[in-house]
PDB file of all heavy atoms in Angstrom:
ATOM      1  N   THR A   1     114.969  16.465  36.594  1.00  0.00           N
ATOM      2  CA  THR A   1     113.742  16.871  37.337  1.00  0.00           C
ATOM      3  C   THR A   1     113.620  15.948  38.514  1.00  0.00           C
ATOM      4  O   THR A   1     114.483  15.117  38.741  1.00  0.00           O
ATOM      5  CB  THR A   1     112.508  16.696  36.430  1.00  0.00           C
ATOM      6  OG1 THR A   1     112.282  15.333  36.225  1.00  0.00           O
ATOM      7  CG2 THR A   1     112.658  17.481  35.073  1.00  0.00           C
ATOM      8  N   ALA A   2     112.581  16.146  39.266  1.00  0.00           N
ATOM      9  CA  ALA A   2     112.423  15.256  40.480  1.00  0.00           C
ATOM     10  C   ALA A   2     112.245  13.808  40.122  1.00  0.00           C
ATOM     11  O   ALA A   2     112.614  12.910  40.897  1.00  0.00           O
ATOM     12  CB  ALA A   2     111.136  15.736  41.205  1.00  0.00           C
ATOM     13  N   LYS A   3     111.838  13.519  38.918  1.00  0.00           N
ATOM     14  CA  LYS A   3     111.638  12.112  38.479  1.00  0.00           C
ATOM     15  C   LYS A   3     112.493  11.668  37.344  1.00  0.00           C
ATOM     16  O   LYS A   3     112.375  10.556  36.848  1.00  0.00           O
ATOM     17  CB  LYS A   3     110.134  11.857  38.125  1.00  0.00           C
ATOM     18  CG  LYS A   3     109.183  12.134  39.227  1.00  0.00           C
ATOM     19  CD  LYS A   3     107.714  11.793  38.854  1.00  0.00           C
ATOM     20  CE  LYS A   3     106.769  11.958  40.020  1.00  0.00           C
ATOM     21  NZ  LYS A   3     105.391  11.642  39.580  1.00  0.00           N
ATOM     22  N   PHE A   4     113.358  12.547  36.909  1.00  0.00           N
ATOM     23  CA  PHE A   4     114.150  12.219  35.776  1.00  0.00           C
ATOM     24  C   PHE A   4     115.622  12.556  35.982  1.00  0.00           C
ATOM     25  O   PHE A   4     115.991  13.611  36.429  1.00  0.00           O
ATOM     26  CB  PHE A   4     113.664  13.046  34.508  1.00  0.00           C
ATOM     27  CG  PHE A   4     114.446  12.727  33.231  1.00  0.00           C
ATOM     28  CD1 PHE A   4     114.166  11.637  32.479  1.00  0.00           C
ATOM     29  CD2 PHE A   4     115.511  13.579  32.856  1.00  0.00           C
ATOM     30  CE1 PHE A   4     114.911  11.372  31.329  1.00  0.00           C
ATOM     31  CE2 PHE A   4     116.260  13.295  31.741  1.00  0.00           C
ATOM     32  CZ  PHE A   4     115.931  12.262  30.911  1.00  0.00           C
ATOM     33  N   ARG A   5     116.575  11.542  35.690  1.00  0.00           N
ATOM     34  CA  ARG A   5     117.927  11.777  35.877  1.00  0.00           C
ATOM     35  C   ARG A   5     118.835  11.398  34.680  1.00  0.00           C
ATOM     36  O   ARG A   5     120.065  11.574  34.704  1.00  0.00           O
ATOM     37  CB  ARG A   5     118.405  10.928  37.099  1.00  0.00           C
ATOM     38  CG  ARG A   5     117.856  11.370  38.448  1.00  0.00           C
ATOM     39  CD  ARG A   5     118.467  12.733  38.875  1.00  0.00           C
ATOM     40  NE  ARG A   5     118.142  13.193  40.189  1.00  0.00           N
ATOM     41  CZ  ARG A   5     117.015  13.852  40.438  1.00  0.00           C
ATOM     42  NH1 ARG A   5     116.213  14.174  39.510  1.00  0.00           N
ATOM     43  NH2 ARG A   5     116.817  14.241  41.740  1.00  0.00           N
ATOM     44  N   ALA A   6     118.185  10.881  33.675  1.00  0.00           N
ATOM     45  CA  ALA A   6     118.985  10.282  32.510  1.00  0.00           C
ATOM     46  C   ALA A   6     119.424  11.395  31.527  1.00  0.00           C
ATOM     47  O   ALA A   6     119.071  11.340  30.363  1.00  0.00           O
ATOM     48  CB  ALA A   6     118.131   9.199  31.775  1.00  0.00           C
ATOM     49  N   VAL A   7     120.207  12.317  32.009  1.00  0.00           N
ATOM     50  CA  VAL A   7     120.668  13.393  31.165  1.00  0.00           C
ATOM     51  C   VAL A   7     121.827  12.851  30.287  1.00  0.00           C
ATOM     52  O   VAL A   7     122.571  11.984  30.702  1.00  0.00           O
ATOM     53  CB  VAL A   7     121.155  14.625  31.939  1.00  0.00           C
ATOM     54  CG1 VAL A   7     119.990  15.194  32.722  1.00  0.00           C
ATOM     55  CG2 VAL A   7     122.289  14.249  32.900  1.00  0.00           C
ATOM     56  N   PRO A   8     121.969  13.347  29.050  1.00  0.00           N
ATOM     57  CA  PRO A   8     123.019  12.839  28.203  1.00  0.00           C
ATOM     58  C   PRO A   8     124.387  13.282  28.610  1.00  0.00           C
ATOM     59  O   PRO A   8     124.582  14.319  29.256  1.00  0.00           O
ATOM     60  CB  PRO A   8     122.653  13.415  26.816  1.00  0.00           C
ATOM     61  CG  PRO A   8     121.951  14.661  27.165  1.00  0.00           C
ATOM     62  CD  PRO A   8     121.202  14.362  28.427  1.00  0.00           C
ATOM     63  N   SER A   9     125.427  12.502  28.124  1.00  0.00           N
ATOM     64  CA  SER A   9     126.814  12.875  28.404  1.00  0.00           C
ATOM     65  C   SER A   9     127.293  13.858  27.329  1.00  0.00           C
ATOM     66  O   SER A   9     126.725  14.016  26.261  1.00  0.00           O
ATOM     67  CB  SER A   9     127.707  11.634  28.353  1.00  0.00           C
ATOM     68  OG  SER A   9     127.738  11.153  27.034  1.00  0.00           O
ATOM     69  N   ALA A  10     128.431  14.561  27.618  1.00  0.00           N
ATOM     70  CA  ALA A  10     129.027  15.475  26.667  1.00  0.00           C
ATOM     71  C   ALA A  10     129.399  14.723  25.333  1.00  0.00           C
ATOM     72  O   ALA A  10     129.287  15.293  24.288  1.00  0.00           O
ATOM     73  CB  ALA A  10     130.244  16.149  27.273  1.00  0.00           C
ATOM     74  N   GLU A  11     129.916  13.462  25.534  1.00  0.00           N
ATOM     75  CA  GLU A  11     130.279  12.695  24.358  1.00  0.00           C
ATOM     76  C   GLU A  11     129.116  12.393  23.465  1.00  0.00           C
ATOM     77  O   GLU A  11     129.135  12.513  22.274  1.00  0.00           O
ATOM     78  CB  GLU A  11     130.915  11.358  24.796  1.00  0.00           C
ATOM     79  CG  GLU A  11     131.508  10.592  23.658  1.00  0.00           C
ATOM     80  CD  GLU A  11     130.501   9.730  22.948  1.00  0.00           C
ATOM     81  OE1 GLU A  11     129.502   9.287  23.644  1.00  0.00           O
ATOM     82  OE2 GLU A  11     130.697   9.435  21.720  1.00  0.00           O
ATOM     83  N   GLN A  12     127.915  12.024  24.099  1.00  0.00           N
ATOM     84  CA  GLN A  12     126.745  11.842  23.287  1.00  0.00           C
ATOM     85  C   GLN A  12     126.261  13.096  22.593  1.00  0.00           C
ATOM     86  O   GLN A  12     126.009  13.078  21.361  1.00  0.00           O
ATOM     87  CB  GLN A  12     125.642  11.315  24.200  1.00  0.00           C
ATOM     88  CG  GLN A  12     125.770   9.919  24.714  1.00  0.00           C
ATOM     89  CD  GLN A  12     124.650   9.599  25.672  1.00  0.00           C
ATOM     90  OE1 GLN A  12     124.428  10.241  26.695  1.00  0.00           O
ATOM     91  NE2 GLN A  12     123.932   8.450  25.326  1.00  0.00           N
ATOM     92  N   ILE A  13     126.241  14.173  23.263  1.00  0.00           N
ATOM     93  CA  ILE A  13     125.818  15.429  22.668  1.00  0.00           C
ATOM     94  C   ILE A  13     126.706  15.807  21.473  1.00  0.00           C
ATOM     95  O   ILE A  13     126.196  16.242  20.416  1.00  0.00           O
ATOM     96  CB  ILE A  13     125.825  16.563  23.730  1.00  0.00           C
ATOM     97  CG1 ILE A  13     124.780  16.258  24.864  1.00  0.00           C
ATOM     98  CG2 ILE A  13     125.502  17.908  23.126  1.00  0.00           C
ATOM     99  CD1 ILE A  13     124.918  17.118  26.059  1.00  0.00           C
ATOM    100  N   SER A  14     127.999  15.649  21.725  1.00  0.00           N
ATOM    101  CA  SER A  14     128.938  15.985  20.591  1.00  0.00           C
ATOM    102  C   SER A  14     128.731  15.086  19.309  1.00  0.00           C
ATOM    103  O   SER A  14     128.730  15.569  18.221  1.00  0.00           O
ATOM    104  CB  SER A  14     130.408  15.883  21.018  1.00  0.00           C
ATOM    105  OG  SER A  14     131.322  16.091  20.011  1.00  0.00           O
ATOM    106  N   ARG A  15     128.470  13.817  19.608  1.00  0.00           N
ATOM    107  CA  ARG A  15     128.229  12.881  18.511  1.00  0.00           C
ATOM    108  C   ARG A  15     126.939  13.240  17.750  1.00  0.00           C
ATOM    109  O   ARG A  15     126.904  13.229  16.529  1.00  0.00           O
ATOM    110  CB  ARG A  15     128.179  11.429  19.000  1.00  0.00           C
ATOM    111  CG  ARG A  15     128.045  10.425  17.918  1.00  0.00           C
ATOM    112  CD  ARG A  15     128.081   8.974  18.457  1.00  0.00           C
ATOM    113  NE  ARG A  15     126.932   8.573  19.275  1.00  0.00           N
ATOM    114  CZ  ARG A  15     126.919   8.363  20.542  1.00  0.00           C
ATOM    115  NH1 ARG A  15     128.025   8.553  21.217  1.00  0.00           N
ATOM    116  NH2 ARG A  15     125.826   8.004  21.146  1.00  0.00           N
ATOM    117  N   TRP A  16     125.891  13.532  18.521  1.00  0.00           N
ATOM    118  CA  TRP A  16     124.600  13.849  17.841  1.00  0.00           C
ATOM    119  C   TRP A  16     124.664  15.168  17.045  1.00  0.00           C
ATOM    120  O   TRP A  16     124.123  15.227  16.038  1.00  0.00           O
ATOM    121  CB  TRP A  16     123.510  13.954  18.926  1.00  0.00           C
ATOM    122  CG  TRP A  16     123.258  12.693  19.598  1.00  0.00           C
ATOM    123  CD1 TRP A  16     123.316  11.419  19.027  1.00  0.00           C
ATOM    124  CD2 TRP A  16     122.830  12.484  20.941  1.00  0.00           C
ATOM    125  NE1 TRP A  16     123.075  10.486  19.956  1.00  0.00           N
ATOM    126  CE2 TRP A  16     122.765  11.046  21.155  1.00  0.00           C
ATOM    127  CE3 TRP A  16     122.608  13.331  21.974  1.00  0.00           C
ATOM    128  CZ2 TRP A  16     122.358  10.531  22.376  1.00  0.00           C
ATOM    129  CZ3 TRP A  16     122.184  12.778  23.218  1.00  0.00           C
ATOM    130  CH2 TRP A  16     122.100  11.394  23.413  1.00  0.00           C
ATOM    131  N   LEU A  17     125.462  16.125  17.533  1.00  0.00           N
ATOM    132  CA  LEU A  17     125.598  17.402  16.823  1.00  0.00           C
ATOM    133  C   LEU A  17     126.264  17.160  15.494  1.00  0.00           C
ATOM    134  O   LEU A  17     125.815  17.724  14.437  1.00  0.00           O
ATOM    135  CB  LEU A  17     126.384  18.388  17.636  1.00  0.00           C
ATOM    136  CG  LEU A  17     126.572  19.788  17.024  1.00  0.00           C
ATOM    137  CD1 LEU A  17     125.192  20.478  16.786  1.00  0.00           C
ATOM    138  CD2 LEU A  17     127.409  20.666  17.888  1.00  0.00           C
ATOM    139  N   LYS A  18     127.274  16.264  15.445  1.00  0.00           N
ATOM    140  CA  LYS A  18     127.888  15.949  14.181  1.00  0.00           C
ATOM    141  C   LYS A  18     126.916  15.226  13.214  1.00  0.00           C
ATOM    142  O   LYS A  18     126.948  15.536  12.052  1.00  0.00           O
ATOM    143  CB  LYS A  18     129.144  15.088  14.444  1.00  0.00           C
ATOM    144  CG  LYS A  18     130.293  15.827  15.101  1.00  0.00           C
ATOM    145  CD  LYS A  18     131.445  14.852  15.394  1.00  0.00           C
ATOM    146  CE  LYS A  18     132.554  15.521  16.201  1.00  0.00           C
ATOM    147  NZ  LYS A  18     133.609  14.565  16.532  1.00  0.00           N
ATOM    148  N   ILE A  19     126.074  14.421  13.760  1.00  0.00           N
ATOM    149  CA  ILE A  19     125.130  13.649  12.954  1.00  0.00           C
ATOM    150  C   ILE A  19     124.168  14.663  12.318  1.00  0.00           C
ATOM    151  O   ILE A  19     123.834  14.586  11.143  1.00  0.00           O
ATOM    152  CB  ILE A  19     124.381  12.675  13.797  1.00  0.00           C
ATOM    153  CG1 ILE A  19     125.283  11.482  14.169  1.00  0.00           C
ATOM    154  CG2 ILE A  19     123.129  12.126  13.062  1.00  0.00           C
ATOM    155  CD1 ILE A  19     124.671  10.480  15.216  1.00  0.00           C
ATOM    156  N   VAL A  20     123.649  15.586  13.140  1.00  0.00           N
ATOM    157  CA  VAL A  20     122.704  16.570  12.617  1.00  0.00           C
ATOM    158  C   VAL A  20     123.307  17.520  11.597  1.00  0.00           C
ATOM    159  O   VAL A  20     122.763  17.777  10.534  1.00  0.00           O
ATOM    160  CB  VAL A  20     122.024  17.312  13.739  1.00  0.00           C
ATOM    161  CG1 VAL A  20     121.078  18.388  13.178  1.00  0.00           C
ATOM    162  CG2 VAL A  20     121.257  16.411  14.641  1.00  0.00           C
ATOM    163  N   ARG A  21     124.517  18.003  11.909  1.00  0.00           N
ATOM    164  CA  ARG A  21     125.139  18.971  11.014  1.00  0.00           C
ATOM    165  C   ARG A  21     125.523  18.372   9.628  1.00  0.00           C
ATOM    166  O   ARG A  21     125.710  19.159   8.688  1.00  0.00           O
ATOM    167  CB  ARG A  21     126.405  19.527  11.719  1.00  0.00           C
ATOM    168  CG  ARG A  21     126.076  20.593  12.749  1.00  0.00           C
ATOM    169  CD  ARG A  21     127.315  21.332  13.264  1.00  0.00           C
ATOM    170  NE  ARG A  21     127.008  22.486  13.997  1.00  0.00           N
ATOM    171  CZ  ARG A  21     127.818  23.123  14.752  1.00  0.00           C
ATOM    172  NH1 ARG A  21     129.065  22.809  14.865  1.00  0.00           N
ATOM    173  NH2 ARG A  21     127.491  24.249  15.414  1.00  0.00           N
ATOM    174  N   ALA A  22     125.590  17.100   9.576  1.00  0.00           N
ATOM    175  CA  ALA A  22     125.819  16.544   8.282  1.00  0.00           C
ATOM    176  C   ALA A  22     124.699  16.817   7.281  1.00  0.00           C
ATOM    177  O   ALA A  22     124.864  16.759   6.050  1.00  0.00           O
ATOM    178  CB  ALA A  22     126.030  15.004   8.399  1.00  0.00           C
ATOM    179  N   GLN A  23     123.536  17.129   7.788  1.00  0.00           N
ATOM    180  CA  GLN A  23     122.388  17.390   6.976  1.00  0.00           C
ATOM    181  C   GLN A  23     121.777  18.835   7.244  1.00  0.00           C
ATOM    182  O   GLN A  23     121.178  19.425   6.290  1.00  0.00           O
ATOM    183  CB  GLN A  23     121.257  16.384   7.243  1.00  0.00           C
ATOM    184  CG  GLN A  23     121.709  14.943   6.991  1.00  0.00           C
ATOM    185  CD  GLN A  23     120.599  13.944   7.068  1.00  0.00           C
ATOM    186  OE1 GLN A  23     119.655  13.910   6.217  1.00  0.00           O
ATOM    187  NE2 GLN A  23     120.635  13.173   8.115  1.00  0.00           N
ATOM    188  N   CYS A  24     121.973  19.342   8.420  1.00  0.00           N
ATOM    189  CA  CYS A  24     121.487  20.668   8.760  1.00  0.00           C
ATOM    190  C   CYS A  24     122.622  21.460   9.331  1.00  0.00           C
ATOM    191  O   CYS A  24     122.887  21.412  10.586  1.00  0.00           O
ATOM    192  CB  CYS A  24     120.311  20.559   9.799  1.00  0.00           C
ATOM    193  SG  CYS A  24     118.936  19.617   9.263  1.00  0.00           S
ATOM    194  N   PRO A  25     123.408  22.124   8.531  1.00  0.00           N
ATOM    195  CA  PRO A  25     124.690  22.717   8.903  1.00  0.00           C
ATOM    196  C   PRO A  25     124.646  23.673  10.040  1.00  0.00           C
ATOM    197  O   PRO A  25     125.600  23.936  10.732  1.00  0.00           O
ATOM    198  CB  PRO A  25     125.197  23.371   7.661  1.00  0.00           C
ATOM    199  CG  PRO A  25     124.517  22.595   6.530  1.00  0.00           C
ATOM    200  CD  PRO A  25     123.165  22.259   7.037  1.00  0.00           C
ATOM    201  N   ALA A  26     123.481  24.369  10.206  1.00  0.00           N
ATOM    202  CA  ALA A  26     123.310  25.415  11.288  1.00  0.00           C
ATOM    203  C   ALA A  26     122.946  24.859  12.594  1.00  0.00           C
ATOM    204  O   ALA A  26     122.588  25.643  13.525  1.00  0.00           O
ATOM    205  CB  ALA A  26     122.379  26.501  10.791  1.00  0.00           C
ATOM    206  N   ALA A  27     122.875  23.522  12.823  1.00  0.00           N
ATOM    207  CA  ALA A  27     122.458  22.964  14.051  1.00  0.00           C
ATOM    208  C   ALA A  27     123.374  23.418  15.215  1.00  0.00           C
ATOM    209  O   ALA A  27     124.558  23.687  14.999  1.00  0.00           O
ATOM    210  CB  ALA A  27     122.421  21.441  13.945  1.00  0.00           C
TER     211      ALA A  27
END
C-alpha cells in the first residue's frame, strides 16, 4: 500500500504453509 512495503518472501510463505498444514491439512 502507500504506507506499507513489508510483504513476505516466497520462502517465508512456503515455510508458513508447511507449519499450518501440519495441523490444518487443507490450508
